[in-house]
Amino acid sequence: MNFETKHAIRWGIPGWVYLSILLIYFSLKDSTFIMYFIKSNGAAIVAFTGLFIGIGIIIGHLIHQISMLFGFVFTKKWAKYFREEFELDEKIMKHPNGSDIQRIYSYRLGNVHALRSLTFSFFISLISIISLSLFWLGFSTEVYVLVGVIVVLNIIVGINYVYFQSNLDYFWRKVNDEYHV
């Protein structure tokens, strides 16, 4: 299995964002948690950090998979997409600059997937915070501020996602035009 650090980070970030937002929410609702954490010994902090990182990667990978389902799998016509991508890959590999073109495409596609996952992470964080507040712990001024921050961050990341997707689509069209796929 070829597992690189970039995959852990790509999958971890949406999970770490989700867990961080939940951690902030519960800290706002009960500040004794923060005091306990600050006063705890080093081993507890190291253990918590390790669990946070590990669980964040797992949750982030699930968020990534769900965002792929809704943002890519459901929106593409598979047969057409597979055929076009295969034909384009064949032609690009024969081009003298083919590896550079593939690297650029892969980089841009990775950014699109990462931003979509992060957008989805903020979205499910928002749903989680609102649900917890409605059905369990209630709303407060701090929670409203947290919800506002999540909404603003989600809008920013969503705009970046649209920008990178448009950039990828433009690149794809230009490569298609040059290679007549």
N, C-alpha and C. Protein backbone atom coordinates (compact mmCIF):
# COMPACT_ATOMS: atom_id res chain seq x y z
N MET A 1 0.85 -1.18 0.00
CA MET A 1 0.00 0.00 0.00
C MET A 1 0.89 1.23 0.00
N ASN A 2 0.63 2.13 -0.91
CA ASN A 2 1.42 3.35 -1.02
C ASN A 2 0.67 4.47 -0.31
N PHE A 3 1.04 4.71 0.94
CA PHE A 3 0.38 5.73 1.74
C PHE A 3 1.38 6.85 2.00
N GLU A 4 1.06 8.03 1.56
CA GLU A 4 1.96 9.16 1.73
C GLU A 4 1.40 10.12 2.77
N THR A 5 2.29 10.92 3.33
CA THR A 5 1.89 11.91 4.33
C THR A 5 0.85 12.87 3.77
N LYS A 6 0.97 13.19 2.48
CA LYS A 6 0.01 14.14 1.89
C LYS A 6 -1.42 13.59 1.97
N HIS A 7 -1.58 12.26 1.91
CA HIS A 7 -2.92 11.68 2.03
C HIS A 7 -3.43 11.84 3.46
N ALA A 8 -2.57 11.61 4.44
CA ALA A 8 -2.98 11.78 5.83
C ALA A 8 -3.41 13.22 6.09
N ILE A 9 -2.67 14.15 5.53
CA ILE A 9 -3.01 15.56 5.72
C ILE A 9 -4.28 15.91 4.96
N ARG A 10 -4.37 15.47 3.70
CA ARG A 10 -5.56 15.76 2.89
C ARG A 10 -6.81 15.21 3.55
N TRP A 11 -6.73 14.00 4.08
CA TRP A 11 -7.89 13.40 4.73
C TRP A 11 -8.06 13.90 6.15
N GLY A 12 -6.95 14.26 6.78
CA GLY A 12 -7.02 14.69 8.17
C GLY A 12 -7.65 16.05 8.34
N ILE A 13 -7.35 16.98 7.46
CA ILE A 13 -7.82 18.36 7.64
C ILE A 13 -9.33 18.45 7.80
N PRO A 14 -10.14 17.83 6.93
CA PRO A 14 -11.60 17.92 7.16
C PRO A 14 -12.02 17.31 8.50
N GLY A 15 -11.38 16.22 8.89
CA GLY A 15 -11.70 15.59 10.17
C GLY A 15 -11.25 16.44 11.34
N TRP A 16 -10.06 17.01 11.25
CA TRP A 16 -9.57 17.86 12.33
C TRP A 16 -10.40 19.12 12.46
N VAL A 17 -10.85 19.67 11.34
CA VAL A 17 -11.72 20.85 11.39
C VAL A 17 -13.03 20.49 12.09
N TYR A 18 -13.62 19.36 11.70
CA TYR A 18 -14.88 18.93 12.31
C TYR A 18 -14.70 18.72 13.81
N LEU A 19 -13.67 17.97 14.20
CA LEU A 19 -13.44 17.71 15.62
C LEU A 19 -13.13 19.00 16.39
N SER A 20 -12.37 19.90 15.78
CA SER A 20 -12.03 21.17 16.44
C SER A 20 -13.27 22.00 16.70
N ILE A 21 -14.16 22.03 15.72
CA ILE A 21 -15.40 22.80 15.91
C ILE A 21 -16.24 22.19 17.02
N LEU A 22 -16.33 20.87 17.05
CA LEU A 22 -17.07 20.22 18.14
C LEU A 22 -16.40 20.49 19.48
N LEU A 23 -15.08 20.45 19.51
CA LEU A 23 -14.33 20.73 20.73
C LEU A 23 -14.59 22.16 21.20
N ILE A 24 -14.58 23.10 20.29
CA ILE A 24 -14.87 24.49 20.63
C ILE A 24 -16.29 24.61 21.16
N TYR A 25 -17.23 23.95 20.51
CA TYR A 25 -18.63 24.00 20.94
C TYR A 25 -18.77 23.49 22.37
N PHE A 26 -18.23 22.31 22.65
CA PHE A 26 -18.37 21.74 23.99
C PHE A 26 -17.60 22.57 25.03
N SER A 27 -16.51 23.21 24.62
CA SER A 27 -15.78 24.08 25.52
C SER A 27 -16.59 25.33 25.85
N LEU A 28 -17.33 25.83 24.86
CA LEU A 28 -18.20 26.98 25.12
C LEU A 28 -19.33 26.61 26.07
N LYS A 29 -19.83 25.41 25.94
CA LYS A 29 -20.95 24.97 26.77
C LYS A 29 -20.50 24.57 28.18
N ASP A 30 -19.24 24.11 28.31
CA ASP A 30 -18.73 23.68 29.62
C ASP A 30 -17.24 23.97 29.68
N SER A 31 -16.89 25.09 30.27
CA SER A 31 -15.48 25.51 30.29
C SER A 31 -14.63 24.66 31.23
N THR A 32 -15.24 23.82 32.06
CA THR A 32 -14.45 22.97 32.95
C THR A 32 -13.59 21.99 32.16
N PHE A 33 -14.03 21.64 30.96
CA PHE A 33 -13.24 20.74 30.12
C PHE A 33 -11.88 21.36 29.80
N ILE A 34 -11.90 22.63 29.43
CA ILE A 34 -10.65 23.31 29.10
C ILE A 34 -9.76 23.39 30.34
N MET A 35 -10.33 23.70 31.47
CA MET A 35 -9.54 23.79 32.70
C MET A 35 -8.94 22.42 33.05
N TYR A 36 -9.71 21.37 32.89
CA TYR A 36 -9.20 20.02 33.14
C TYR A 36 -8.05 19.71 32.19
N PHE A 37 -8.21 20.06 30.95
CA PHE A 37 -7.18 19.78 29.94
C PHE A 37 -5.91 20.57 30.25
N ILE A 38 -6.04 21.83 30.62
CA ILE A 38 -4.87 22.66 30.92
C ILE A 38 -4.14 22.14 32.15
N LYS A 39 -4.88 21.68 33.15
CA LYS A 39 -4.27 21.20 34.39
C LYS A 39 -3.80 19.75 34.31
N SER A 40 -4.17 19.04 33.26
CA SER A 40 -3.79 17.62 33.17
C SER A 40 -2.29 17.48 32.92
N ASN A 41 -1.81 16.28 33.17
CA ASN A 41 -0.38 16.04 33.00
C ASN A 41 -0.04 15.88 31.52
N GLY A 42 1.23 15.85 31.23
CA GLY A 42 1.71 15.77 29.85
C GLY A 42 1.26 14.52 29.13
N ALA A 43 1.20 13.39 29.84
CA ALA A 43 0.80 12.13 29.20
C ALA A 43 -0.64 12.22 28.69
N ALA A 44 -1.52 12.84 29.45
CA ALA A 44 -2.92 12.97 29.02
C ALA A 44 -3.01 13.86 27.79
N ILE A 45 -2.21 14.91 27.76
CA ILE A 45 -2.22 15.81 26.60
C ILE A 45 -1.70 15.09 25.36
N VAL A 46 -0.62 14.34 25.53
CA VAL A 46 -0.06 13.58 24.40
C VAL A 46 -1.07 12.54 23.91
N ALA A 47 -1.70 11.84 24.84
CA ALA A 47 -2.70 10.82 24.47
C ALA A 47 -3.87 11.46 23.74
N PHE A 48 -4.37 12.58 24.27
CA PHE A 48 -5.48 13.27 23.63
C PHE A 48 -5.09 13.73 22.23
N THR A 49 -3.90 14.29 22.10
CA THR A 49 -3.44 14.77 20.79
C THR A 49 -3.33 13.62 19.80
N GLY A 50 -2.78 12.50 20.25
CA GLY A 50 -2.67 11.32 19.37
C GLY A 50 -4.03 10.82 18.92
N LEU A 51 -4.96 10.73 19.87
CA LEU A 51 -6.33 10.31 19.52
C LEU A 51 -6.98 11.30 18.57
N PHE A 52 -6.80 12.58 18.84
CA PHE A 52 -7.38 13.62 18.00
C PHE A 52 -6.87 13.49 16.57
N ILE A 53 -5.56 13.31 16.42
CA ILE A 53 -4.97 13.19 15.09
C ILE A 53 -5.48 11.93 14.39
N GLY A 54 -5.45 10.79 15.10
CA GLY A 54 -5.88 9.53 14.49
C GLY A 54 -7.35 9.51 14.13
N ILE A 55 -8.19 9.92 15.06
CA ILE A 55 -9.63 9.94 14.80
C ILE A 55 -9.96 10.98 13.73
N GLY A 56 -9.23 12.10 13.74
CA GLY A 56 -9.44 13.13 12.72
C GLY A 56 -9.18 12.62 11.32
N ILE A 57 -8.13 11.80 11.16
CA ILE A 57 -7.84 11.24 9.84
C ILE A 57 -8.95 10.29 9.41
N ILE A 58 -9.43 9.47 10.33
CA ILE A 58 -10.51 8.53 10.00
C ILE A 58 -11.79 9.28 9.62
N ILE A 59 -12.19 10.23 10.46
CA ILE A 59 -13.39 11.01 10.17
C ILE A 59 -13.20 11.82 8.89
N GLY A 60 -12.01 12.40 8.73
CA GLY A 60 -11.73 13.17 7.52
C GLY A 60 -11.81 12.33 6.26
N HIS A 61 -11.33 11.09 6.35
CA HIS A 61 -11.42 10.20 5.18
C HIS A 61 -12.88 9.90 4.86
N LEU A 62 -13.69 9.68 5.88
CA LEU A 62 -15.13 9.46 5.66
C LEU A 62 -15.78 10.70 5.05
N ILE A 63 -15.43 11.87 5.56
CA ILE A 63 -15.96 13.12 5.00
C ILE A 63 -15.53 13.25 3.55
N HIS A 64 -14.27 12.93 3.26
CA HIS A 64 -13.76 12.99 1.89
C HIS A 64 -14.56 12.05 0.98
N GLN A 65 -14.82 10.83 1.45
CA GLN A 65 -15.56 9.86 0.63
C GLN A 65 -16.99 10.34 0.37
N ILE A 66 -17.64 10.88 1.39
CA ILE A 66 -19.01 11.36 1.23
C ILE A 66 -19.03 12.57 0.29
N SER A 67 -18.04 13.46 0.42
CA SER A 67 -17.99 14.62 -0.48
C SER A 67 -17.71 14.19 -1.91
N MET A 68 -16.92 13.13 -2.10
CA MET A 68 -16.69 12.59 -3.45
C MET A 68 -18.00 12.06 -4.03
N LEU A 69 -18.77 11.37 -3.20
CA LEU A 69 -20.04 10.81 -3.65
C LEU A 69 -20.97 11.92 -4.15
N PHE A 70 -21.16 12.95 -3.32
CA PHE A 70 -22.10 14.00 -3.68
C PHE A 70 -21.52 15.00 -4.69
N GLY A 71 -20.22 15.24 -4.65
CA GLY A 71 -19.65 16.28 -5.49
C GLY A 71 -19.02 15.79 -6.77
N PHE A 72 -18.84 14.49 -6.92
CA PHE A 72 -18.16 14.00 -8.10
C PHE A 72 -18.89 12.81 -8.71
N VAL A 73 -19.16 11.81 -7.91
CA VAL A 73 -19.77 10.57 -8.43
C VAL A 73 -21.18 10.83 -8.96
N PHE A 74 -22.00 11.55 -8.20
CA PHE A 74 -23.37 11.81 -8.62
C PHE A 74 -23.46 12.82 -9.77
N THR A 75 -22.43 13.66 -9.92
CA THR A 75 -22.53 14.74 -10.91
C THR A 75 -21.92 14.41 -12.26
N LYS A 76 -21.25 13.28 -12.38
CA LYS A 76 -20.59 12.92 -13.64
C LYS A 76 -21.34 11.79 -14.34
N LYS A 77 -21.31 11.85 -15.66
CA LYS A 77 -21.80 10.72 -16.46
C LYS A 77 -20.61 9.79 -16.61
N TRP A 78 -20.65 8.70 -15.88
CA TRP A 78 -19.47 7.85 -15.71
C TRP A 78 -18.88 7.36 -17.02
N ALA A 79 -19.70 6.77 -17.87
CA ALA A 79 -19.18 6.17 -19.10
C ALA A 79 -18.46 7.22 -19.95
N LYS A 80 -19.09 8.38 -20.10
CA LYS A 80 -18.49 9.45 -20.89
C LYS A 80 -17.20 9.95 -20.22
N TYR A 81 -17.26 10.16 -18.92
CA TYR A 81 -16.09 10.67 -18.20
C TYR A 81 -14.93 9.68 -18.29
N PHE A 82 -15.19 8.39 -18.05
CA PHE A 82 -14.12 7.39 -18.09
C PHE A 82 -13.49 7.33 -19.48
N ARG A 83 -14.33 7.34 -20.51
CA ARG A 83 -13.83 7.26 -21.88
C ARG A 83 -12.98 8.47 -22.22
N GLU A 84 -13.51 9.67 -21.93
CA GLU A 84 -12.77 10.89 -22.25
C GLU A 84 -11.46 10.98 -21.48
N GLU A 85 -11.49 10.63 -20.21
CA GLU A 85 -10.27 10.71 -19.42
C GLU A 85 -9.23 9.70 -19.91
N PHE A 86 -9.67 8.50 -20.25
CA PHE A 86 -8.74 7.48 -20.75
C PHE A 86 -8.12 7.92 -22.07
N GLU A 87 -8.94 8.41 -22.99
CA GLU A 87 -8.43 8.86 -24.29
C GLU A 87 -7.47 10.03 -24.13
N LEU A 88 -7.81 10.96 -23.25
CA LEU A 88 -6.94 12.10 -23.02
C LEU A 88 -5.62 11.65 -22.38
N ASP A 89 -5.69 10.76 -21.40
CA ASP A 89 -4.47 10.25 -20.77
C ASP A 89 -3.56 9.58 -21.79
N GLU A 90 -4.14 8.79 -22.67
CA GLU A 90 -3.34 8.13 -23.71
C GLU A 90 -2.58 9.14 -24.56
N LYS A 91 -3.28 10.20 -24.98
CA LYS A 91 -2.67 11.21 -25.84
C LYS A 91 -1.63 12.04 -25.07
N ILE A 92 -1.93 12.36 -23.83
CA ILE A 92 -1.00 13.17 -23.04
C ILE A 92 0.29 12.39 -22.78
N MET A 93 0.18 11.11 -22.49
CA MET A 93 1.37 10.31 -22.20
C MET A 93 2.33 10.26 -23.38
N LYS A 94 1.81 10.40 -24.58
CA LYS A 94 2.65 10.38 -25.78
C LYS A 94 3.30 11.73 -26.06
N HIS A 95 2.80 12.78 -25.44
CA HIS A 95 3.32 14.14 -25.66
C HIS A 95 4.65 14.31 -24.90
N PRO A 96 5.60 15.07 -25.48
CA PRO A 96 6.88 15.29 -24.79
C PRO A 96 6.73 15.93 -23.40
N ASN A 97 5.71 16.76 -23.21
CA ASN A 97 5.47 17.40 -21.91
C ASN A 97 4.34 16.71 -21.15
N GLY A 98 4.03 15.48 -21.52
CA GLY A 98 2.90 14.78 -20.93
C GLY A 98 2.96 14.63 -19.43
N SER A 99 4.14 14.32 -18.88
CA SER A 99 4.22 14.14 -17.43
C SER A 99 3.97 15.46 -16.70
N ASP A 100 4.40 16.57 -17.28
CA ASP A 100 4.13 17.88 -16.66
C ASP A 100 2.64 18.20 -16.70
N ILE A 101 2.00 17.90 -17.82
CA ILE A 101 0.56 18.15 -17.94
C ILE A 101 -0.20 17.29 -16.93
N GLN A 102 0.17 16.02 -16.80
CA GLN A 102 -0.49 15.15 -15.83
C GLN A 102 -0.26 15.64 -14.40
N ARG A 103 0.94 16.11 -14.11
CA ARG A 103 1.25 16.61 -12.77
C ARG A 103 0.39 17.84 -12.45
N ILE A 104 0.28 18.75 -13.41
CA ILE A 104 -0.53 19.96 -13.20
C ILE A 104 -2.00 19.59 -13.00
N TYR A 105 -2.50 18.70 -13.84
CA TYR A 105 -3.90 18.27 -13.72
C TYR A 105 -4.14 17.60 -12.37
N SER A 106 -3.24 16.72 -11.98
CA SER A 106 -3.38 16.01 -10.71
C SER A 106 -3.37 16.99 -9.53
N TYR A 107 -2.50 17.97 -9.59
CA TYR A 107 -2.42 18.97 -8.53
C TYR A 107 -3.73 19.75 -8.42
N ARG A 108 -4.24 20.19 -9.55
CA ARG A 108 -5.48 20.97 -9.55
C ARG A 108 -6.67 20.13 -9.11
N LEU A 109 -6.72 18.90 -9.58
CA LEU A 109 -7.81 18.01 -9.17
C LEU A 109 -7.74 17.74 -7.67
N GLY A 110 -6.54 17.55 -7.14
CA GLY A 110 -6.37 17.34 -5.70
C GLY A 110 -6.86 18.52 -4.90
N ASN A 111 -6.58 19.74 -5.38
CA ASN A 111 -7.08 20.95 -4.69
C ASN A 111 -8.60 21.00 -4.70
N VAL A 112 -9.20 20.65 -5.82
CA VAL A 112 -10.66 20.65 -5.91
C VAL A 112 -11.25 19.66 -4.92
N HIS A 113 -10.71 18.45 -4.88
CA HIS A 113 -11.22 17.44 -3.95
C HIS A 113 -11.02 17.87 -2.50
N ALA A 114 -9.87 18.45 -2.19
CA ALA A 114 -9.59 18.88 -0.82
C ALA A 114 -10.53 20.00 -0.39
N LEU A 115 -10.76 20.97 -1.27
CA LEU A 115 -11.65 22.08 -0.92
C LEU A 115 -13.10 21.63 -0.80
N ARG A 116 -13.52 20.69 -1.66
CA ARG A 116 -14.88 20.17 -1.55
C ARG A 116 -15.04 19.43 -0.21
N SER A 117 -14.04 18.66 0.18
CA SER A 117 -14.10 17.95 1.46
C SER A 117 -14.16 18.93 2.63
N LEU A 118 -13.36 19.99 2.55
CA LEU A 118 -13.36 20.98 3.62
C LEU A 118 -14.70 21.71 3.69
N THR A 119 -15.26 22.05 2.54
CA THR A 119 -16.58 22.67 2.50
C THR A 119 -17.62 21.76 3.14
N PHE A 120 -17.56 20.49 2.80
CA PHE A 120 -18.49 19.52 3.38
C PHE A 120 -18.27 19.38 4.88
N SER A 121 -17.01 19.43 5.32
CA SER A 121 -16.70 19.35 6.74
C SER A 121 -17.33 20.52 7.51
N PHE A 122 -17.19 21.73 6.96
CA PHE A 122 -17.83 22.89 7.60
C PHE A 122 -19.35 22.73 7.61
N PHE A 123 -19.89 22.21 6.53
CA PHE A 123 -21.34 22.03 6.44
C PHE A 123 -21.84 21.05 7.50
N ILE A 124 -21.19 19.89 7.63
CA ILE A 124 -21.67 18.94 8.64
C ILE A 124 -21.35 19.43 10.06
N SER A 125 -20.32 20.26 10.21
CA SER A 125 -20.06 20.88 11.51
C SER A 125 -21.22 21.80 11.88
N LEU A 126 -21.67 22.57 10.91
CA LEU A 126 -22.79 23.48 11.13
C LEU A 126 -24.05 22.70 11.51
N ILE A 127 -24.33 21.64 10.76
CA ILE A 127 -25.50 20.80 11.06
C ILE A 127 -25.37 20.19 12.46
N SER A 128 -24.18 19.72 12.81
CA SER A 128 -23.96 19.12 14.12
C SER A 128 -24.17 20.12 15.25
N ILE A 129 -23.61 21.32 15.10
CA ILE A 129 -23.73 22.34 16.14
C ILE A 129 -25.18 22.78 16.31
N ILE A 130 -25.86 22.99 15.21
CA ILE A 130 -27.27 23.40 15.29
C ILE A 130 -28.11 22.28 15.90
N SER A 131 -27.86 21.04 15.50
CA SER A 131 -28.61 19.91 16.06
C SER A 131 -28.35 19.75 17.55
N LEU A 132 -27.09 19.81 17.96
CA LEU A 132 -26.76 19.70 19.39
C LEU A 132 -27.43 20.82 20.18
N SER A 133 -27.44 22.02 19.61
CA SER A 133 -28.04 23.16 20.31
C SER A 133 -29.55 23.05 20.38
N LEU A 134 -30.16 22.59 19.30
CA LEU A 134 -31.62 22.47 19.28
C LEU A 134 -32.12 21.36 20.20
N PHE A 135 -31.45 20.24 20.19
CA PHE A 135 -31.99 19.05 20.84
C PHE A 135 -31.32 18.69 22.16
N TRP A 136 -30.25 19.40 22.55
CA TRP A 136 -29.57 18.95 23.75
C TRP A 136 -29.11 20.10 24.64
N LEU A 137 -28.17 20.89 24.18
CA LEU A 137 -27.52 21.85 25.07
C LEU A 137 -28.02 23.28 24.96
N GLY A 138 -28.80 23.58 23.96
CA GLY A 138 -29.35 24.92 23.81
C GLY A 138 -28.40 25.91 23.16
N PHE A 139 -28.97 27.04 22.77
CA PHE A 139 -28.21 28.10 22.12
C PHE A 139 -27.76 29.12 23.15
N SER A 140 -26.69 29.80 22.85
CA SER A 140 -26.20 30.93 23.65
C SER A 140 -25.57 31.92 22.68
N THR A 141 -25.21 33.07 23.18
CA THR A 141 -24.56 34.07 22.33
C THR A 141 -23.29 33.50 21.71
N GLU A 142 -22.52 32.77 22.52
CA GLU A 142 -21.28 32.18 22.02
C GLU A 142 -21.54 31.19 20.89
N VAL A 143 -22.60 30.42 21.02
CA VAL A 143 -22.94 29.44 19.98
C VAL A 143 -23.36 30.15 18.70
N TYR A 144 -24.13 31.23 18.84
CA TYR A 144 -24.50 32.00 17.65
C TYR A 144 -23.26 32.56 16.95
N VAL A 145 -22.30 33.04 17.73
CA VAL A 145 -21.05 33.54 17.14
C VAL A 145 -20.31 32.40 16.44
N LEU A 146 -20.24 31.24 17.08
CA LEU A 146 -19.58 30.08 16.47
C LEU A 146 -20.27 29.70 15.16
N VAL A 147 -21.59 29.67 15.16
CA VAL A 147 -22.33 29.36 13.94
C VAL A 147 -22.01 30.39 12.85
N GLY A 148 -21.97 31.66 13.23
CA GLY A 148 -21.63 32.71 12.26
C GLY A 148 -20.23 32.53 11.68
N VAL A 149 -19.28 32.19 12.53
CA VAL A 149 -17.90 31.96 12.07
C VAL A 149 -17.86 30.77 11.11
N ILE A 150 -18.57 29.70 11.45
CA ILE A 150 -18.60 28.52 10.58
C ILE A 150 -19.21 28.88 9.23
N VAL A 151 -20.30 29.64 9.24
CA VAL A 151 -20.95 30.03 7.98
C VAL A 151 -19.99 30.86 7.13
N VAL A 152 -19.32 31.83 7.73
CA VAL A 152 -18.38 32.68 6.98
C VAL A 152 -17.24 31.85 6.42
N LEU A 153 -16.66 30.97 7.24
CA LEU A 153 -15.56 30.12 6.75
C LEU A 153 -16.03 29.19 5.64
N ASN A 154 -17.25 28.68 5.77
CA ASN A 154 -17.78 27.79 4.73
C ASN A 154 -17.99 28.55 3.42
N ILE A 155 -18.44 29.78 3.52
CA ILE A 155 -18.61 30.60 2.31
C ILE A 155 -17.25 30.85 1.65
N ILE A 156 -16.25 31.19 2.45
CA ILE A 156 -14.91 31.45 1.91
C ILE A 156 -14.35 30.20 1.23
N VAL A 157 -14.42 29.07 1.91
CA VAL A 157 -13.90 27.83 1.34
C VAL A 157 -14.74 27.42 0.12
N GLY A 158 -16.04 27.64 0.18
CA GLY A 158 -16.91 27.32 -0.96
C GLY A 158 -16.56 28.15 -2.19
N ILE A 159 -16.28 29.44 -1.99
CA ILE A 159 -15.87 30.29 -3.11
C ILE A 159 -14.54 29.80 -3.68
N ASN A 160 -13.61 29.44 -2.81
CA ASN A 160 -12.34 28.90 -3.28
C ASN A 160 -12.54 27.60 -4.05
N TYR A 161 -13.46 26.78 -3.58
CA TYR A 161 -13.77 25.53 -4.29
C TYR A 161 -14.27 25.82 -5.71
N VAL A 162 -15.21 26.76 -5.83
CA VAL A 162 -15.75 27.11 -7.14
C VAL A 162 -14.63 27.67 -8.03
N TYR A 163 -13.76 28.50 -7.48
CA TYR A 163 -12.65 29.05 -8.25
C TYR A 163 -11.74 27.93 -8.76
N PHE A 164 -11.32 27.03 -7.87
CA PHE A 164 -10.41 25.96 -8.28
C PHE A 164 -11.08 25.00 -9.25
N GLN A 165 -12.38 24.75 -9.08
CA GLN A 165 -13.10 23.89 -10.02
C GLN A 165 -13.15 24.55 -11.40
N SER A 166 -13.41 25.85 -11.43
CA SER A 166 -13.43 26.58 -12.71
C SER A 166 -12.06 26.57 -13.36
N ASN A 167 -11.02 26.73 -12.57
CA ASN A 167 -9.65 26.69 -13.07
C ASN A 167 -9.34 25.31 -13.65
N LEU A 168 -9.76 24.26 -12.96
CA LEU A 168 -9.55 22.89 -13.45
C LEU A 168 -10.32 22.66 -14.74
N ASP A 169 -11.57 23.12 -14.80
CA ASP A 169 -12.39 22.96 -16.01
C ASP A 169 -11.75 23.68 -17.19
N TYR A 170 -11.24 24.88 -16.96
CA TYR A 170 -10.57 25.64 -18.02
C TYR A 170 -9.34 24.89 -18.52
N PHE A 171 -8.53 24.40 -17.59
CA PHE A 171 -7.34 23.64 -17.95
C PHE A 171 -7.72 22.40 -18.76
N TRP A 172 -8.75 21.70 -18.30
CA TRP A 172 -9.23 20.49 -18.99
C TRP A 172 -9.67 20.81 -20.42
N ARG A 173 -10.43 21.93 -20.58
CA ARG A 173 -10.89 22.33 -21.92
C ARG A 173 -9.71 22.66 -22.83
N LYS A 174 -8.73 23.39 -22.30
CA LYS A 174 -7.56 23.76 -23.11
C LYS A 174 -6.77 22.52 -23.53
N VAL A 175 -6.60 21.58 -22.62
CA VAL A 175 -5.89 20.34 -22.96
C VAL A 175 -6.70 19.55 -23.97
N ASN A 176 -8.01 19.47 -23.78
CA ASN A 176 -8.87 18.78 -24.74
C ASN A 176 -8.78 19.41 -26.12
N ASP A 177 -8.79 20.75 -26.16
CA ASP A 177 -8.69 21.45 -27.45
C ASP A 177 -7.37 21.13 -28.15
N GLU A 178 -6.29 21.12 -27.37
CA GLU A 178 -4.97 20.88 -27.96
C GLU A 178 -4.83 19.44 -28.45
N TYR A 179 -5.43 18.50 -27.71
CA TYR A 179 -5.27 17.08 -28.07
C TYR A 179 -6.47 16.53 -28.81
N HIS A 180 -7.46 17.35 -29.09
CA HIS A 180 -8.63 16.98 -29.90
C HIS A 180 -9.33 15.73 -29.39
N VAL A 181 -9.68 15.76 -28.12
CA VAL A 181 -10.41 14.62 -27.55
C VAL A 181 -11.89 14.88 -27.65
